[in-house]
Amino acid sequence: MTPEQWARLRLRAATDPRLTAASAVRLLDDPVDHIRNTVVRHPDLPAQVLTRLLRDPDTARTAAGHPALPEEVLRWMAERLS
């Protein structure tokens, strides 16, 4: 397979509803930005992983909109923006 074909395969995996949280976490290390940002939307990512993603400029914006962010993290973000 070519590198582009591998990237398409990883992107398909990132959007597959059967993808486990553990596999999603592994895909967060993907070298392709849009694959990482796609997998950040995975509904079962652990809160501590989401919090770490807020510190990464490549994933922070997507992670900030994740519905599973802990309430205390949301409050912290709101305080920083005001």
Protein backbone atom coordinates (compact mmCIF):
# COMPACT_ATOMS: atom_id res chain seq x y z
CA MET A 1 0.00 0.00 0.00
CA THR A 2 1.09 3.55 -0.64
CA PRO A 3 1.35 6.07 2.21
CA GLU A 4 -1.82 7.77 0.91
CA GLN A 5 -3.72 4.49 0.98
CA TRP A 6 -2.57 3.84 4.56
CA ALA A 7 -3.71 7.34 5.54
CA ARG A 8 -7.14 6.74 3.99
CA LEU A 9 -7.40 3.45 5.86
CA ARG A 10 -6.52 5.14 9.17
CA LEU A 11 -9.06 7.88 8.46
CA ARG A 12 -11.75 5.26 7.83
CA ALA A 13 -10.81 3.62 11.12
CA ALA A 14 -10.98 6.99 12.91
CA THR A 15 -14.56 7.51 11.75
CA ASP A 16 -15.75 3.94 12.30
CA PRO A 17 -18.35 3.85 15.11
CA ARG A 18 -16.95 0.48 16.21
CA LEU A 19 -13.53 2.01 16.99
CA THR A 20 -12.66 1.36 20.61
CA ALA A 21 -11.43 4.12 22.90
CA ALA A 22 -8.05 2.35 23.18
CA SER A 23 -7.66 2.31 19.39
CA ALA A 24 -8.74 5.95 19.21
CA VAL A 25 -6.06 6.89 21.73
CA ARG A 26 -3.45 5.11 19.58
CA LEU A 27 -4.61 7.05 16.52
CA LEU A 28 -4.01 10.32 18.37
CA ASP A 29 -0.32 9.81 17.58
CA ASP A 30 -1.00 9.68 13.84
CA PRO A 31 1.34 11.92 11.83
CA VAL A 32 -1.58 13.27 9.73
CA ASP A 33 -3.30 16.28 11.34
CA HIS A 34 -6.81 15.66 10.00
CA ILE A 35 -6.73 12.05 11.21
CA ARG A 36 -5.77 13.20 14.72
CA ASN A 37 -8.47 15.86 14.73
CA THR A 38 -11.04 13.37 13.49
CA VAL A 39 -10.24 10.92 16.27
CA VAL A 40 -10.39 13.70 18.90
CA ARG A 41 -14.16 13.63 18.31
CA HIS A 42 -14.40 9.98 19.43
CA PRO A 43 -17.20 9.89 22.04
CA ASP A 44 -15.39 7.55 24.45
CA LEU A 45 -12.04 9.29 24.80
CA PRO A 46 -11.06 9.41 28.48
CA ALA A 47 -11.31 12.81 30.17
CA GLN A 48 -7.60 12.85 31.04
CA VAL A 49 -6.75 12.30 27.36
CA LEU A 50 -9.05 15.16 26.33
CA THR A 51 -7.43 17.43 28.90
CA ARG A 52 -3.99 16.59 27.48
CA LEU A 53 -5.24 17.34 23.96
CA LEU A 54 -6.16 20.87 25.06
CA ARG A 55 -2.43 21.57 25.45
CA ASP A 56 -1.62 20.53 21.88
CA PRO A 57 -2.06 23.39 19.39
CA ASP A 58 -3.01 20.90 16.66
CA THR A 59 -5.90 19.37 18.62
CA ALA A 60 -6.88 22.00 21.21
CA ARG A 61 -9.69 23.60 19.21
CA THR A 62 -11.37 20.27 18.48
CA ALA A 63 -10.83 18.96 22.02
CA ALA A 64 -12.33 22.14 23.50
CA GLY A 65 -15.66 21.30 21.89
CA HIS A 66 -15.79 17.69 23.07
CA PRO A 67 -18.94 16.99 25.11
CA ALA A 68 -17.08 14.68 27.51
CA LEU A 69 -14.77 17.38 28.87
CA PRO A 70 -15.04 17.49 32.64
CA GLU A 71 -17.03 20.39 34.09
CA GLU A 72 -14.02 21.72 36.01
CA VAL A 73 -12.03 21.93 32.76
CA LEU A 74 -14.88 23.80 31.09
CA ARG A 75 -14.96 26.27 34.00
CA TRP A 76 -11.19 26.73 33.77
CA MET A 77 -11.49 27.44 30.03
CA ALA A 78 -14.31 29.93 30.61
CA GLU A 79 -12.26 31.78 33.24
CA ARG A 80 -9.31 32.06 30.86
CA LEU A 81 -11.50 33.53 28.13
CA SER A 82 -13.10 36.19 30.32
